[in-house]
């Protein structure tokens, strides 16, 4: 049996002169507000509650503890954690 390989008619090479869709998306998102980009900010009350649940309270020796703050935002957890660290010091 012989199989003939022919190019698909719907397969096209990318046109390098057209704008990159990733760059276009980044440009649009950079101009959007936080809510439009899907950013979610944790309320201060919730941050305090989570820090309390984690035992990160000023009555503890916080300078001996480690705290991982994996957020990538405006410091919603980091700033209150540092304030508690300074109070505990």
PDB file of N, CA and C in Angstrom:
ATOM      1  N   UNK A   1       0.845  -1.163   0.000  1.00  0.00           N
ATOM      2  CA  UNK A   1       0.000   0.000   0.000  1.00  0.00           C
ATOM      3  C   UNK A   1       0.900   1.238   0.000  1.00  0.00           C
ATOM      4  N   UNK A   2       0.587   2.184  -0.839  1.00  0.00           N
ATOM      5  CA  UNK A   2       1.342   3.420  -0.940  1.00  0.00           C
ATOM      6  C   UNK A   2       0.468   4.557  -0.430  1.00  0.00           C
ATOM      7  N   UNK A   3       1.056   5.378   0.445  1.00  0.00           N
ATOM      8  CA  UNK A   3       0.331   6.531   0.987  1.00  0.00           C
ATOM      9  C   UNK A   3       0.995   7.788   0.449  1.00  0.00           C
ATOM     10  N   UNK A   4       0.203   8.622  -0.205  1.00  0.00           N
ATOM     11  CA  UNK A   4       0.733   9.875  -0.739  1.00  0.00           C
ATOM     12  C   UNK A   4       0.531  10.971   0.297  1.00  0.00           C
ATOM     13  N   UNK A   5       1.599  11.679   0.620  1.00  0.00           N
ATOM     14  CA  UNK A   5       1.515  12.780   1.567  1.00  0.00           C
ATOM     15  C   UNK A   5       1.360  14.083   0.801  1.00  0.00           C
ATOM     16  N   UNK A   6       0.271  14.743   1.029  1.00  0.00           N
ATOM     17  CA  UNK A   6       0.032  16.026   0.371  1.00  0.00           C
ATOM     18  C   UNK A   6      -0.172  17.080   1.452  1.00  0.00           C
ATOM     19  N   UNK A   7       0.269  18.289   1.177  1.00  0.00           N
ATOM     20  CA  UNK A   7       0.078  19.338   2.186  1.00  0.00           C
ATOM     21  C   UNK A   7      -1.393  19.623   2.403  1.00  0.00           C
ATOM     22  N   UNK A   8      -1.741  19.869   3.664  1.00  0.00           N
ATOM     23  CA  UNK A   8      -3.129  20.208   3.985  1.00  0.00           C
ATOM     24  C   UNK A   8      -3.419  21.614   3.510  1.00  0.00           C
ATOM     25  N   UNK A   9      -4.588  21.786   2.970  1.00  0.00           N
ATOM     26  CA  UNK A   9      -4.943  23.099   2.435  1.00  0.00           C
ATOM     27  C   UNK A   9      -5.251  24.102   3.549  1.00  0.00           C
ATOM     28  N   UNK A  10      -5.606  23.609   4.759  1.00  0.00           N
ATOM     29  CA  UNK A  10      -5.946  24.529   5.836  1.00  0.00           C
ATOM     30  C   UNK A  10      -4.739  24.870   6.718  1.00  0.00           C
ATOM     31  N   UNK A  11      -3.586  24.325   6.387  1.00  0.00           N
ATOM     32  CA  UNK A  11      -2.382  24.595   7.182  1.00  0.00           C
ATOM     33  C   UNK A  11      -1.616  25.757   6.551  1.00  0.00           C
ATOM     34  N   UNK A  12      -1.436  26.819   7.349  1.00  0.00           N
ATOM     35  CA  UNK A  12      -0.705  27.978   6.848  1.00  0.00           C
ATOM     36  C   UNK A  12       0.458  28.283   7.777  1.00  0.00           C
ATOM     37  N   UNK A  13       1.494  28.791   7.220  1.00  0.00           N
ATOM     38  CA  UNK A  13       2.626  29.256   8.022  1.00  0.00           C
ATOM     39  C   UNK A  13       2.236  30.586   8.659  1.00  0.00           C
ATOM     40  N   UNK A  14       2.692  30.845   9.878  1.00  0.00           N
ATOM     41  CA  UNK A  14       2.350  32.137  10.491  1.00  0.00           C
ATOM     42  C   UNK A  14       2.991  33.287   9.730  1.00  0.00           C
ATOM     43  N   UNK A  15       2.237  34.348   9.623  1.00  0.00           N
ATOM     44  CA  UNK A  15       2.738  35.542   8.958  1.00  0.00           C
ATOM     45  C   UNK A  15       3.523  36.351   9.987  1.00  0.00           C
ATOM     46  N   UNK A  16       4.819  36.442   9.819  1.00  0.00           N
ATOM     47  CA  UNK A  16       5.666  37.118  10.785  1.00  0.00           C
ATOM     48  C   UNK A  16       5.506  38.633  10.770  1.00  0.00           C
ATOM     49  N   UNK A  17       4.799  39.146   9.783  1.00  0.00           N
ATOM     50  CA  UNK A  17       4.588  40.578   9.726  1.00  0.00           C
ATOM     51  C   UNK A  17       3.367  41.022  10.525  1.00  0.00           C
ATOM     52  N   UNK A  18       2.504  40.072  10.896  1.00  0.00           N
ATOM     53  CA  UNK A  18       1.328  40.408  11.690  1.00  0.00           C
ATOM     54  C   UNK A  18       1.735  40.584  13.151  1.00  0.00           C
ATOM     55  N   UNK A  19       0.995  41.393  13.916  1.00  0.00           N
ATOM     56  CA  UNK A  19       1.326  41.556  15.340  1.00  0.00           C
ATOM     57  C   UNK A  19       1.158  40.239  16.094  1.00  0.00           C
ATOM     58  N   UNK A  20       2.001  40.046  17.070  1.00  0.00           N
ATOM     59  CA  UNK A  20       1.952  38.838  17.899  1.00  0.00           C
ATOM     60  C   UNK A  20       0.705  38.894  18.780  1.00  0.00           C
ATOM     61  N   UNK A  21      -0.108  37.828  18.824  1.00  0.00           N
ATOM     62  CA  UNK A  21      -1.326  37.864  19.646  1.00  0.00           C
ATOM     63  C   UNK A  21      -1.016  37.972  21.141  1.00  0.00           C
ATOM     64  N   UNK A  22       0.108  37.450  21.575  1.00  0.00           N
ATOM     65  CA  UNK A  22       0.468  37.552  22.993  1.00  0.00           C
ATOM     66  C   UNK A  22       0.777  39.003  23.342  1.00  0.00           C
ATOM     67  N   UNK A  23       1.531  39.664  22.481  1.00  0.00           N
ATOM     68  CA  UNK A  23       1.834  41.074  22.729  1.00  0.00           C
ATOM     69  C   UNK A  23       0.561  41.904  22.730  1.00  0.00           C
ATOM     70  N   UNK A  24      -0.359  41.594  21.845  1.00  0.00           N
ATOM     71  CA  UNK A  24      -1.626  42.327  21.805  1.00  0.00           C
ATOM     72  C   UNK A  24      -2.408  42.116  23.092  1.00  0.00           C
ATOM     73  N   UNK A  25      -2.446  40.890  23.594  1.00  0.00           N
ATOM     74  CA  UNK A  25      -3.160  40.601  24.841  1.00  0.00           C
ATOM     75  C   UNK A  25      -2.511  41.319  26.018  1.00  0.00           C
ATOM     76  N   UNK A  26      -1.185  41.312  26.079  1.00  0.00           N
ATOM     77  CA  UNK A  26      -0.478  42.008  27.157  1.00  0.00           C
ATOM     78  C   UNK A  26      -0.773  43.493  27.105  1.00  0.00           C
ATOM     79  N   UNK A  27      -0.801  44.062  25.928  1.00  0.00           N
ATOM     80  CA  UNK A  27      -1.089  45.487  25.772  1.00  0.00           C
ATOM     81  C   UNK A  27      -2.497  45.806  26.278  1.00  0.00           C
ATOM     82  N   UNK A  28      -3.477  44.993  25.907  1.00  0.00           N
ATOM     83  CA  UNK A  28      -4.856  45.225  26.336  1.00  0.00           C
ATOM     84  C   UNK A  28      -4.977  45.078  27.852  1.00  0.00           C
ATOM     85  N   UNK A  29      -4.378  44.029  28.415  1.00  0.00           N
ATOM     86  CA  UNK A  29      -4.473  43.798  29.854  1.00  0.00           C
ATOM     87  C   UNK A  29      -3.738  44.851  30.664  1.00  0.00           C
ATOM     88  N   UNK A  30      -2.665  45.401  30.117  1.00  0.00           N
ATOM     89  CA  UNK A  30      -1.920  46.418  30.855  1.00  0.00           C
ATOM     90  C   UNK A  30      -2.729  47.694  31.021  1.00  0.00           C
ATOM     91  N   UNK A  31      -3.703  47.914  30.153  1.00  0.00           N
ATOM     92  CA  UNK A  31      -4.538  49.105  30.236  1.00  0.00           C
ATOM     93  C   UNK A  31      -5.814  48.865  31.041  1.00  0.00           C
ATOM     94  N   UNK A  32      -6.104  47.610  31.370  1.00  0.00           N
ATOM     95  CA  UNK A  32      -7.336  47.266  32.079  1.00  0.00           C
ATOM     96  C   UNK A  32      -7.165  47.485  33.578  1.00  0.00           C
ATOM     97  N   UNK A  33      -8.280  47.721  34.253  1.00  0.00           N
ATOM     98  CA  UNK A  33      -8.230  47.868  35.702  1.00  0.00           C
ATOM     99  C   UNK A  33      -8.090  46.480  36.342  1.00  0.00           C
ATOM    100  N   UNK A  34      -7.804  46.461  37.622  1.00  0.00           N
ATOM    101  CA  UNK A  34      -7.530  45.212  38.328  1.00  0.00           C
ATOM    102  C   UNK A  34      -8.696  44.231  38.227  1.00  0.00           C
ATOM    103  N   UNK A  35      -9.916  44.719  38.377  1.00  0.00           N
ATOM    104  CA  UNK A  35     -11.075  43.834  38.320  1.00  0.00           C
ATOM    105  C   UNK A  35     -11.236  43.216  36.938  1.00  0.00           C
ATOM    106  N   UNK A  36     -10.954  43.989  35.895  1.00  0.00           N
ATOM    107  CA  UNK A  36     -11.057  43.464  34.536  1.00  0.00           C
ATOM    108  C   UNK A  36     -10.004  42.404  34.256  1.00  0.00           C
ATOM    109  N   UNK A  37      -8.856  42.498  34.929  1.00  0.00           N
ATOM    110  CA  UNK A  37      -7.785  41.510  34.746  1.00  0.00           C
ATOM    111  C   UNK A  37      -8.025  40.262  35.579  1.00  0.00           C
ATOM    112  N   UNK A  38      -9.035  40.295  36.454  1.00  0.00           N
ATOM    113  CA  UNK A  38      -9.332  39.137  37.289  1.00  0.00           C
ATOM    114  C   UNK A  38      -8.593  39.157  38.612  1.00  0.00           C
ATOM    115  N   UNK A  39      -8.020  40.298  38.985  1.00  0.00           N
ATOM    116  CA  UNK A  39      -7.323  40.394  40.261  1.00  0.00           C
ATOM    117  C   UNK A  39      -8.323  40.357  41.405  1.00  0.00           C
ATOM    118  N   UNK A  40      -7.976  39.633  42.440  1.00  0.00           N
ATOM    119  CA  UNK A  40      -8.828  39.516  43.618  1.00  0.00           C
ATOM    120  C   UNK A  40      -8.023  39.985  44.820  1.00  0.00           C
ATOM    121  N   UNK A  41      -8.580  40.934  45.560  1.00  0.00           N
ATOM    122  CA  UNK A  41      -7.893  41.466  46.727  1.00  0.00           C
ATOM    123  C   UNK A  41      -8.617  41.007  47.983  1.00  0.00           C
ATOM    124  N   UNK A  42      -7.846  40.551  48.960  1.00  0.00           N
ATOM    125  CA  UNK A  42      -8.403  40.040  50.207  1.00  0.00           C
ATOM    126  C   UNK A  42      -8.695  41.208  51.151  1.00  0.00           C
ATOM    127  N   UNK A  43      -9.875  41.213  51.722  1.00  0.00           N
ATOM    128  CA  UNK A  43     -10.257  42.274  52.655  1.00  0.00           C
ATOM    129  C   UNK A  43      -9.394  42.212  53.907  1.00  0.00           C
ATOM    130  N   UNK A  44      -9.188  43.377  54.532  1.00  0.00           N
ATOM    131  CA  UNK A  44      -8.324  43.464  55.719  1.00  0.00           C
ATOM    132  C   UNK A  44      -8.803  42.558  56.847  1.00  0.00           C
ATOM    133  N   UNK A  45     -10.117  42.467  57.033  1.00  0.00           N
ATOM    134  CA  UNK A  45     -10.658  41.617  58.093  1.00  0.00           C
ATOM    135  C   UNK A  45     -10.306  40.154  57.864  1.00  0.00           C
ATOM    136  N   UNK A  46     -10.351  39.736  56.599  1.00  0.00           N
ATOM    137  CA  UNK A  46     -10.031  38.354  56.258  1.00  0.00           C
ATOM    138  C   UNK A  46      -8.535  38.090  56.468  1.00  0.00           C
ATOM    139  N   UNK A  47      -7.694  39.058  56.096  1.00  0.00           N
ATOM    140  CA  UNK A  47      -6.248  38.922  56.306  1.00  0.00           C
ATOM    141  C   UNK A  47      -5.957  38.742  57.793  1.00  0.00           C
ATOM    142  N   UNK A  48      -6.542  39.596  58.635  1.00  0.00           N
ATOM    143  CA  UNK A  48      -6.317  39.483  60.080  1.00  0.00           C
ATOM    144  C   UNK A  48      -6.800  38.132  60.602  1.00  0.00           C
ATOM    145  N   UNK A  49      -7.938  37.675  60.118  1.00  0.00           N
ATOM    146  CA  UNK A  49      -8.486  36.385  60.547  1.00  0.00           C
ATOM    147  C   UNK A  49      -7.543  35.239  60.166  1.00  0.00           C
ATOM    148  N   UNK A  50      -7.028  35.265  58.950  1.00  0.00           N
ATOM    149  CA  UNK A  50      -6.122  34.198  58.495  1.00  0.00           C
ATOM    150  C   UNK A  50      -4.820  34.218  59.284  1.00  0.00           C
ATOM    151  N   UNK A  51      -4.275  35.417  59.530  1.00  0.00           N
ATOM    152  CA  UNK A  51      -3.047  35.506  60.334  1.00  0.00           C
ATOM    153  C   UNK A  51      -3.288  34.986  61.751  1.00  0.00           C
ATOM    154  N   UNK A  52      -4.452  35.298  62.325  1.00  0.00           N
ATOM    155  CA  UNK A  52      -4.796  34.775  63.652  1.00  0.00           C
ATOM    156  C   UNK A  52      -4.889  33.257  63.627  1.00  0.00           C
ATOM    157  N   UNK A  53      -5.561  32.712  62.605  1.00  0.00           N
ATOM    158  CA  UNK A  53      -5.694  31.251  62.495  1.00  0.00           C
ATOM    159  C   UNK A  53      -4.340  30.563  62.356  1.00  0.00           C
ATOM    160  N   UNK A  54      -3.421  31.236  61.675  1.00  0.00           N
ATOM    161  CA  UNK A  54      -2.085  30.669  61.484  1.00  0.00           C
ATOM    162  C   UNK A  54      -1.215  30.800  62.728  1.00  0.00           C
ATOM    163  N   UNK A  55      -1.728  31.490  63.743  1.00  0.00           N
ATOM    164  CA  UNK A  55      -0.946  31.672  64.960  1.00  0.00           C
ATOM    165  C   UNK A  55       0.089  32.776  64.850  1.00  0.00           C
ATOM    166  N   UNK A  56      -0.048  33.614  63.835  1.00  0.00           N
ATOM    167  CA  UNK A  56       0.898  34.715  63.629  1.00  0.00           C
ATOM    168  C   UNK A  56       0.341  35.944  64.348  1.00  0.00           C
ATOM    169  N   UNK A  57       0.430  35.907  65.682  1.00  0.00           N
ATOM    170  CA  UNK A  57      -0.115  36.960  66.528  1.00  0.00           C
ATOM    171  C   UNK A  57       1.019  37.632  67.303  1.00  0.00           C
ATOM    172  N   UNK A  58       0.851  38.903  67.660  1.00  0.00           N
ATOM    173  CA  UNK A  58       1.928  39.646  68.322  1.00  0.00           C
ATOM    174  C   UNK A  58       2.357  39.081  69.673  1.00  0.00           C
ATOM    175  N   UNK A  59       1.533  38.229  70.292  1.00  0.00           N
ATOM    176  CA  UNK A  59       1.928  37.644  71.577  1.00  0.00           C
ATOM    177  C   UNK A  59       2.860  36.440  71.410  1.00  0.00           C
ATOM    178  N   UNK A  60       3.192  36.096  70.183  1.00  0.00           N
ATOM    179  CA  UNK A  60       4.108  34.986  69.884  1.00  0.00           C
ATOM    180  C   UNK A  60       5.494  35.542  69.546  1.00  0.00           C
ATOM    181  N   UNK A  61       6.534  34.729  69.686  1.00  0.00           N
ATOM    182  CA  UNK A  61       7.877  35.180  69.283  1.00  0.00           C
ATOM    183  C   UNK A  61       8.003  35.126  67.745  1.00  0.00           C
ATOM    184  N   UNK A  62       7.416  36.104  67.087  1.00  0.00           N
ATOM    185  CA  UNK A  62       7.333  36.082  65.622  1.00  0.00           C
ATOM    186  C   UNK A  62       8.704  36.135  64.960  1.00  0.00           C
ATOM    187  N   UNK A  63       9.697  36.693  65.636  1.00  0.00           N
ATOM    188  CA  UNK A  63      11.036  36.753  65.045  1.00  0.00           C
ATOM    189  C   UNK A  63      11.660  35.366  64.910  1.00  0.00           C
ATOM    190  N   UNK A  64      11.089  34.372  65.586  1.00  0.00           N
ATOM    191  CA  UNK A  64      11.581  32.995  65.476  1.00  0.00           C
ATOM    192  C   UNK A  64      10.795  32.181  64.447  1.00  0.00           C
ATOM    193  N   UNK A  65       9.696  32.746  63.960  1.00  0.00           N
ATOM    194  CA  UNK A  65       8.837  32.025  63.014  1.00  0.00           C
ATOM    195  C   UNK A  65       9.155  32.415  61.585  1.00  0.00           C
ATOM    196  N   UNK A  66       8.677  31.600  60.670  1.00  0.00           N
ATOM    197  CA  UNK A  66       8.770  31.906  59.239  1.00  0.00           C
ATOM    198  C   UNK A  66       7.370  32.050  58.701  1.00  0.00           C
ATOM    199  N   UNK A  67       7.229  32.959  57.781  1.00  0.00           N
ATOM    200  CA  UNK A  67       5.923  33.202  57.169  1.00  0.00           C
ATOM    201  C   UNK A  67       6.117  33.260  55.666  1.00  0.00           C
ATOM    202  N   UNK A  68       5.395  32.429  54.959  1.00  0.00           N
ATOM    203  CA  UNK A  68       5.429  32.442  53.500  1.00  0.00           C
ATOM    204  C   UNK A  68       4.242  33.253  53.014  1.00  0.00           C
ATOM    205  N   UNK A  69       4.530  34.301  52.292  1.00  0.00           N
ATOM    206  CA  UNK A  69       3.482  35.151  51.732  1.00  0.00           C
ATOM    207  C   UNK A  69       3.577  35.050  50.219  1.00  0.00           C
ATOM    208  N   UNK A  70       2.840  34.113  49.607  1.00  0.00           N
ATOM    209  CA  UNK A  70       3.001  33.851  48.178  1.00  0.00           C
ATOM    210  C   UNK A  70       2.220  34.785  47.258  1.00  0.00           C
ATOM    211  N   UNK A  71       1.534  35.763  47.814  1.00  0.00           N
ATOM    212  CA  UNK A  71       0.720  36.646  46.980  1.00  0.00           C
ATOM    213  C   UNK A  71       1.592  37.504  46.077  1.00  0.00           C
ATOM    214  N   UNK A  72       0.961  37.991  45.037  1.00  0.00           N
ATOM    215  CA  UNK A  72       1.651  38.850  44.090  1.00  0.00           C
ATOM    216  C   UNK A  72       0.743  40.039  43.847  1.00  0.00           C
ATOM    217  N   UNK A  73       0.703  40.923  44.818  1.00  0.00           N
ATOM    218  CA  UNK A  73      -0.244  42.017  44.708  1.00  0.00           C
ATOM    219  C   UNK A  73       0.274  43.258  45.393  1.00  0.00           C
ATOM    220  N   UNK A  74      -0.592  43.831  46.205  1.00  0.00           N
ATOM    221  CA  UNK A  74      -0.280  45.104  46.838  1.00  0.00           C
ATOM    222  C   UNK A  74       0.147  44.958  48.288  1.00  0.00           C
ATOM    223  N   UNK A  75       0.526  43.764  48.720  1.00  0.00           N
ATOM    224  CA  UNK A  75       1.011  43.576  50.083  1.00  0.00           C
ATOM    225  C   UNK A  75      -0.086  43.423  51.103  1.00  0.00           C
ATOM    226  N   UNK A  76      -1.237  42.904  50.683  1.00  0.00           N
ATOM    227  CA  UNK A  76      -2.369  42.737  51.583  1.00  0.00           C
ATOM    228  C   UNK A  76      -2.067  41.872  52.787  1.00  0.00           C
ATOM    229  N   UNK A  77      -1.204  40.889  52.645  1.00  0.00           N
ATOM    230  CA  UNK A  77      -0.793  40.051  53.765  1.00  0.00           C
ATOM    231  C   UNK A  77       0.544  40.508  54.338  1.00  0.00           C
ATOM    232  N   UNK A  78       1.425  40.944  53.483  1.00  0.00           N
ATOM    233  CA  UNK A  78       2.773  41.287  53.911  1.00  0.00           C
ATOM    234  C   UNK A  78       2.803  42.457  54.892  1.00  0.00           C
ATOM    235  N   UNK A  79       2.083  43.511  54.604  1.00  0.00           N
ATOM    236  CA  UNK A  79       2.104  44.700  55.461  1.00  0.00           C
ATOM    237  C   UNK A  79       1.547  44.391  56.856  1.00  0.00           C
ATOM    238  N   UNK A  80       0.377  43.748  56.985  1.00  0.00           N
ATOM    239  CA  UNK A  80      -0.092  43.408  58.333  1.00  0.00           C
ATOM    240  C   UNK A  80       0.840  42.432  59.064  1.00  0.00           C
ATOM    241  N   UNK A  81       1.466  41.523  58.337  1.00  0.00           N
ATOM    242  CA  UNK A  81       2.396  40.584  58.972  1.00  0.00           C
ATOM    243  C   UNK A  81       3.611  41.327  59.526  1.00  0.00           C
ATOM    244  N   UNK A  82       4.125  42.271  58.782  1.00  0.00           N
ATOM    245  CA  UNK A  82       5.274  43.052  59.260  1.00  0.00           C
ATOM    246  C   UNK A  82       4.866  43.905  60.453  1.00  0.00           C
ATOM    247  N   UNK A  83       3.669  44.481  60.419  1.00  0.00           N
ATOM    248  CA  UNK A  83       3.189  45.263  61.570  1.00  0.00           C
ATOM    249  C   UNK A  83       3.118  44.391  62.818  1.00  0.00           C
ATOM    250  N   UNK A  84       2.631  43.166  62.659  1.00  0.00           N
ATOM    251  CA  UNK A  84       2.574  42.245  63.802  1.00  0.00           C
ATOM    252  C   UNK A  84       3.973  41.878  64.267  1.00  0.00           C
ATOM    253  N   UNK A  85       4.881  41.677  63.333  1.00  0.00           N
ATOM    254  CA  UNK A  85       6.262  41.360  63.696  1.00  0.00           C
ATOM    255  C   UNK A  85       6.871  42.491  64.523  1.00  0.00           C
ATOM    256  N   UNK A  86       6.647  43.731  64.103  1.00  0.00           N
ATOM    257  CA  UNK A  86       7.177  44.876  64.837  1.00  0.00           C
ATOM    258  C   UNK A  86       6.533  45.011  66.214  1.00  0.00           C
ATOM    259  N   UNK A  87       5.234  44.728  66.313  1.00  0.00           N
ATOM    260  CA  UNK A  87       4.576  44.754  67.626  1.00  0.00           C
ATOM    261  C   UNK A  87       5.143  43.689  68.554  1.00  0.00           C
ATOM    262  N   UNK A  88       5.455  42.538  68.018  1.00  0.00           N
ATOM    263  CA  UNK A  88       5.982  41.442  68.825  1.00  0.00           C
ATOM    264  C   UNK A  88       7.426  41.677  69.242  1.00  0.00           C
ATOM    265  N   UNK A  89       8.121  42.482  68.503  1.00  0.00           N
ATOM    266  CA  UNK A  89       9.548  42.741  68.781  1.00  0.00           C
ATOM    267  C   UNK A  89       9.650  43.553  70.035  1.00  0.00           C
TER     268      UNK A  89
END
